[in-house]
PDB file of N, CA and C in Angstrom:
ATOM      1  N   MET A   1       1.622   0.602  12.850  1.00  0.00           N
ATOM      2  CA  MET A   1       1.002  -0.041  12.412  1.00  0.00           C
ATOM      3  C   MET A   1      -0.814   0.518  11.677  1.00  0.00           C
ATOM      4  N   ILE A   2      -0.881   1.014  10.769  1.00  0.00           N
ATOM      5  CA  ILE A   2      -2.233   0.739   9.918  1.00  0.00           C
ATOM      6  C   ILE A   2      -2.339   0.500   9.158  1.00  0.00           C
ATOM      7  N   HIS A   3      -3.976  -0.422   9.380  1.00  0.00           N
ATOM      8  CA  HIS A   3      -4.321  -1.563   8.176  1.00  0.00           C
ATOM      9  C   HIS A   3      -5.665  -0.528   7.416  1.00  0.00           C
ATOM     10  N   PHE A   4      -4.988  -0.942   5.946  1.00  0.00           N
ATOM     11  CA  PHE A   4      -6.207   0.168   5.093  1.00  0.00           C
ATOM     12  C   PHE A   4      -7.460  -1.193   4.596  1.00  0.00           C
ATOM     13  N   SER A   5      -8.093  -0.978   4.186  1.00  0.00           N
ATOM     14  CA  SER A   5      -9.033  -2.321   3.433  1.00  0.00           C
ATOM     15  C   SER A   5      -8.755  -2.456   1.704  1.00  0.00           C
ATOM     16  N   ASP A   6      -8.408  -3.524   1.618  1.00  0.00           N
ATOM     17  CA  ASP A   6      -8.634  -3.663   0.402  1.00  0.00           C
ATOM     18  C   ASP A   6      -8.957  -2.943  -0.829  1.00  0.00           C
ATOM     19  N   ARG A   7      -9.775  -2.636  -0.842  1.00  0.00           N
ATOM     20  CA  ARG A   7     -10.576  -1.420  -1.798  1.00  0.00           C
ATOM     21  C   ARG A   7      -9.934  -0.475  -2.003  1.00  0.00           C
ATOM     22  N   TYR A   8      -8.993  -0.238  -1.084  1.00  0.00           N
ATOM     23  CA  TYR A   8      -8.323   1.461  -1.275  1.00  0.00           C
ATOM     24  C   TYR A   8      -6.926   0.849  -2.799  1.00  0.00           C
ATOM     25  N   SER A   9      -6.646   1.693  -3.170  1.00  0.00           N
ATOM     26  CA  SER A   9      -5.390   1.656  -4.274  1.00  0.00           C
ATOM     27  C   SER A   9      -4.157   1.791  -3.108  1.00  0.00           C
ATOM     28  N   LEU A  10      -2.753   1.350  -3.695  1.00  0.00           N
ATOM     29  CA  LEU A  10      -1.629   1.788  -3.035  1.00  0.00           C
ATOM     30  C   LEU A  10      -1.007   3.138  -3.255  1.00  0.00           C
ATOM     31  N   GLN A  11      -1.525   3.616  -4.694  1.00  0.00           N
ATOM     32  CA  GLN A  11      -1.557   5.431  -4.872  1.00  0.00           C
ATOM     33  C   GLN A  11      -2.533   5.888  -3.254  1.00  0.00           C
ATOM     34  N   MET A  12      -3.633   5.701  -2.973  1.00  0.00           N
ATOM     35  CA  MET A  12      -4.312   6.065  -2.680  1.00  0.00           C
ATOM     36  C   MET A  12      -4.295   6.265  -0.725  1.00  0.00           C
ATOM     37  N   ILE A  13      -3.771   5.586  -0.687  1.00  0.00           N
ATOM     38  CA  ILE A  13      -3.168   5.228   0.683  1.00  0.00           C
ATOM     39  C   ILE A  13      -1.699   5.945   0.727  1.00  0.00           C
ATOM     40  N   LYS A  14      -1.232   5.925   0.026  1.00  0.00           N
ATOM     41  CA  LYS A  14      -0.105   6.490   0.005  1.00  0.00           C
ATOM     42  C   LYS A  14      -0.516   8.231  -0.036  1.00  0.00           C
ATOM     43  N   ASN A  15      -1.529   8.396   0.021  1.00  0.00           N
ATOM     44  CA  ASN A  15      -2.103  10.373  -0.394  1.00  0.00           C
ATOM     45  C   ASN A  15      -2.434  10.393   0.922  1.00  0.00           C
ATOM     46  N   MET A  16      -2.839   9.209   1.456  1.00  0.00           N
ATOM     47  CA  MET A  16      -3.910   9.765   2.574  1.00  0.00           C
ATOM     48  C   MET A  16      -2.823   9.809   3.973  1.00  0.00           C
ATOM     49  N   VAL A  17      -1.705   8.734   3.712  1.00  0.00           N
ATOM     50  CA  VAL A  17      -0.911   8.607   4.620  1.00  0.00           C
ATOM     51  C   VAL A  17      -0.375  10.345   4.642  1.00  0.00           C
ATOM     52  N   TYR A  18       0.438  10.234   3.856  1.00  0.00           N
ATOM     53  CA  TYR A  18       1.175  11.786   3.683  1.00  0.00           C
ATOM     54  C   TYR A  18       0.593  13.032   3.753  1.00  0.00           C
ATOM     55  N   SER A  19      -0.617  12.734   3.244  1.00  0.00           N
ATOM     56  CA  SER A  19      -1.452  13.964   3.369  1.00  0.00           C
ATOM     57  C   SER A  19      -2.163  14.818   4.412  1.00  0.00           C
ATOM     58  N   SER A  20      -2.194  13.540   5.964  1.00  0.00           N
ATOM     59  CA  SER A  20      -2.983  13.839   6.230  1.00  0.00           C
ATOM     60  C   SER A  20      -1.449  13.950   8.092  1.00  0.00           C
ATOM     61  N   LEU A  21      -0.407  14.494   7.424  1.00  0.00           N
ATOM     62  CA  LEU A  21       0.860  13.990   8.331  1.00  0.00           C
ATOM     63  C   LEU A  21       1.337  15.888   8.362  1.00  0.00           C
ATOM     64  N   PRO A  22       2.212  16.086   8.846  1.00  0.00           N
ATOM     65  CA  PRO A  22       2.199  17.978   8.614  1.00  0.00           C
ATOM     66  C   PRO A  22       3.743  17.650   8.317  1.00  0.00           C
ATOM     67  N   LYS A  23       4.050  17.942   7.628  1.00  0.00           N
ATOM     68  CA  LYS A  23       5.536  17.803   6.265  1.00  0.00           C
ATOM     69  C   LYS A  23       6.864  17.611   7.038  1.00  0.00           C
ATOM     70  N   GLU A  24       6.690  18.240   8.286  1.00  0.00           N
ATOM     71  CA  GLU A  24       8.015  18.071   9.150  1.00  0.00           C
ATOM     72  C   GLU A  24       8.313  16.530   9.016  1.00  0.00           C
ATOM     73  N   LEU A  25       7.101  15.134  10.007  1.00  0.00           N
ATOM     74  CA  LEU A  25       6.508  14.617   9.951  1.00  0.00           C
ATOM     75  C   LEU A  25       6.783  13.680   8.375  1.00  0.00           C
ATOM     76  N   ALA A  26       5.932  14.168   7.937  1.00  0.00           N
ATOM     77  CA  ALA A  26       5.119  13.042   6.088  1.00  0.00           C
ATOM     78  C   ALA A  26       7.091  12.578   5.764  1.00  0.00           C
ATOM     79  N   GLU A  27       7.707  14.048   5.921  1.00  0.00           N
ATOM     80  CA  GLU A  27       8.993  13.551   5.063  1.00  0.00           C
ATOM     81  C   GLU A  27      10.090  12.346   6.066  1.00  0.00           C
ATOM     82  N   LYS A  28       9.699  12.108   6.974  1.00  0.00           N
ATOM     83  CA  LYS A  28      10.289  10.979   8.330  1.00  0.00           C
ATOM     84  C   LYS A  28      10.187   9.749   8.354  1.00  0.00           C
ATOM     85  N   ILE A  29       8.759   9.511   7.720  1.00  0.00           N
ATOM     86  CA  ILE A  29       8.498   8.363   7.537  1.00  0.00           C
ATOM     87  C   ILE A  29       7.906   7.110   6.164  1.00  0.00           C
ATOM     88  N   TYR A  30       8.406   6.082   6.370  1.00  0.00           N
ATOM     89  CA  TYR A  30       8.563   5.190   5.350  1.00  0.00           C
ATOM     90  C   TYR A  30       7.061   4.389   5.145  1.00  0.00           C
ATOM     91  N   CYS A  31       6.079   4.449   4.002  1.00  0.00           N
ATOM     92  CA  CYS A  31       4.939   3.966   3.904  1.00  0.00           C
ATOM     93  C   CYS A  31       5.309   2.454   3.289  1.00  0.00           C
ATOM     94  N   SER A  32       5.106   1.521   4.312  1.00  0.00           N
ATOM     95  CA  SER A  32       5.626   0.085   3.370  1.00  0.00           C
ATOM     96  C   SER A  32       3.966  -0.417   3.366  1.00  0.00           C
ATOM     97  N   LEU A  33       3.896  -0.931   1.704  1.00  0.00           N
ATOM     98  CA  LEU A  33       2.784  -1.837   1.241  1.00  0.00           C
ATOM     99  C   LEU A  33       3.176  -2.784   0.897  1.00  0.00           C
ATOM    100  N   ALA A  34       4.937  -3.558   1.289  1.00  0.00           N
ATOM    101  CA  ALA A  34       4.638  -4.547   0.500  1.00  0.00           C
ATOM    102  C   ALA A  34       3.357  -5.731   1.380  1.00  0.00           C
ATOM    103  N   ALA A  35       2.857  -5.911   1.876  1.00  0.00           N
ATOM    104  CA  ALA A  35       2.204  -6.928   1.463  1.00  0.00           C
ATOM    105  C   ALA A  35       1.087  -6.864   0.385  1.00  0.00           C
ATOM    106  N   LYS A  36       0.586  -5.208   0.578  1.00  0.00           N
ATOM    107  CA  LYS A  36      -0.283  -5.091  -0.527  1.00  0.00           C
ATOM    108  C   LYS A  36       0.968  -5.427  -1.888  1.00  0.00           C
ATOM    109  N   LYS A  37       1.121  -5.335  -2.038  1.00  0.00           N
ATOM    110  CA  LYS A  37       2.010  -5.122  -3.518  1.00  0.00           C
ATOM    111  C   LYS A  37       1.923  -6.771  -3.431  1.00  0.00           C
ATOM    112  N   ALA A  38       2.687  -7.143  -2.498  1.00  0.00           N
ATOM    113  CA  ALA A  38       2.018  -9.068  -3.037  1.00  0.00           C
ATOM    114  C   ALA A  38       0.783  -9.470  -3.500  1.00  0.00           C
ATOM    115  N   LEU A  39      -0.079  -8.790  -2.768  1.00  0.00           N
ATOM    116  CA  LEU A  39      -1.042  -9.572  -3.418  1.00  0.00           C
ATOM    117  C   LEU A  39      -1.958  -9.181  -4.039  1.00  0.00           C
ATOM    118  N   LYS A  40      -1.640  -8.139  -4.452  1.00  0.00           N
ATOM    119  CA  LYS A  40      -1.374  -7.397  -6.658  1.00  0.00           C
ATOM    120  C   LYS A  40      -0.935  -7.987  -7.370  1.00  0.00           C
ATOM    121  N   VAL A  41       0.338  -9.261  -7.285  1.00  0.00           N
ATOM    122  CA  VAL A  41       0.733 -10.019  -8.148  1.00  0.00           C
ATOM    123  C   VAL A  41       1.274 -10.865  -8.023  1.00  0.00           C
ATOM    124  N   GLU A  42       0.346 -11.415  -6.257  1.00  0.00           N
ATOM    125  CA  GLU A  42      -0.236 -13.341  -6.323  1.00  0.00           C
ATOM    126  C   GLU A  42      -1.854 -12.893  -7.131  1.00  0.00           C
ATOM    127  N   HIS A  43      -2.856 -12.202  -7.066  1.00  0.00           N
ATOM    128  CA  HIS A  43      -3.623 -11.944  -8.019  1.00  0.00           C
ATOM    129  C   HIS A  43      -4.009 -11.770  -9.031  1.00  0.00           C
ATOM    130  N   SER A  44      -2.160 -11.886  -9.385  1.00  0.00           N
ATOM    131  CA  SER A  44      -2.285 -11.166 -10.924  1.00  0.00           C
ATOM    132  C   SER A  44      -2.057 -12.503 -11.713  1.00  0.00           C
ATOM    133  N   VAL A  45      -1.829 -13.052 -10.763  1.00  0.00           N
ATOM    134  CA  VAL A  45      -0.656 -14.220 -12.037  1.00  0.00           C
ATOM    135  C   VAL A  45      -1.942 -15.407 -12.295  1.00  0.00           C
ATOM    136  N   GLU A  46      -1.749 -16.368 -12.864  1.00  0.00           N
ATOM    137  CA  GLU A  46      -2.510 -17.212 -12.872  1.00  0.00           C
ATOM    138  C   GLU A  46      -2.197 -18.769 -12.532  1.00  0.00           C
ATOM    139  N   PRO A  47      -3.084 -19.082 -11.796  1.00  0.00           N
ATOM    140  CA  PRO A  47      -2.587 -20.617 -10.796  1.00  0.00           C
ATOM    141  C   PRO A  47      -1.771 -20.825 -12.115  1.00  0.00           C
ATOM    142  N   PHE A  48      -1.167 -22.316 -11.011  1.00  0.00           N
ATOM    143  CA  PHE A  48       0.275 -22.877 -12.053  1.00  0.00           C
ATOM    144  C   PHE A  48      -0.622 -24.457 -12.124  1.00  0.00           C
ATOM    145  N   MET A  49      -0.347 -24.489 -13.696  1.00  0.00           N
ATOM    146  CA  MET A  49      -1.368 -26.045 -14.006  1.00  0.00           C
ATOM    147  C   MET A  49      -0.251 -26.972 -15.115  1.00  0.00           C
ATOM    148  N   PRO A  50      -0.239 -28.316 -14.430  1.00  0.00           N
ATOM    149  CA  PRO A  50       0.831 -28.982 -15.091  1.00  0.00           C
ATOM    150  C   PRO A  50       0.390 -29.562 -16.525  1.00  0.00           C
TER     151      PRO A  50
END
């Protein structure tokens, strides 16, 4: 597991990871960015106000 700072976008993270690996290895990994995607959604929604 690798942690990336919040200042990096999803695309920047994917580019950094995949470009730093040999092609044979890059084709075998999956970059799971679910937590980062969830944070993006969470911060893009206005708070619920009854």
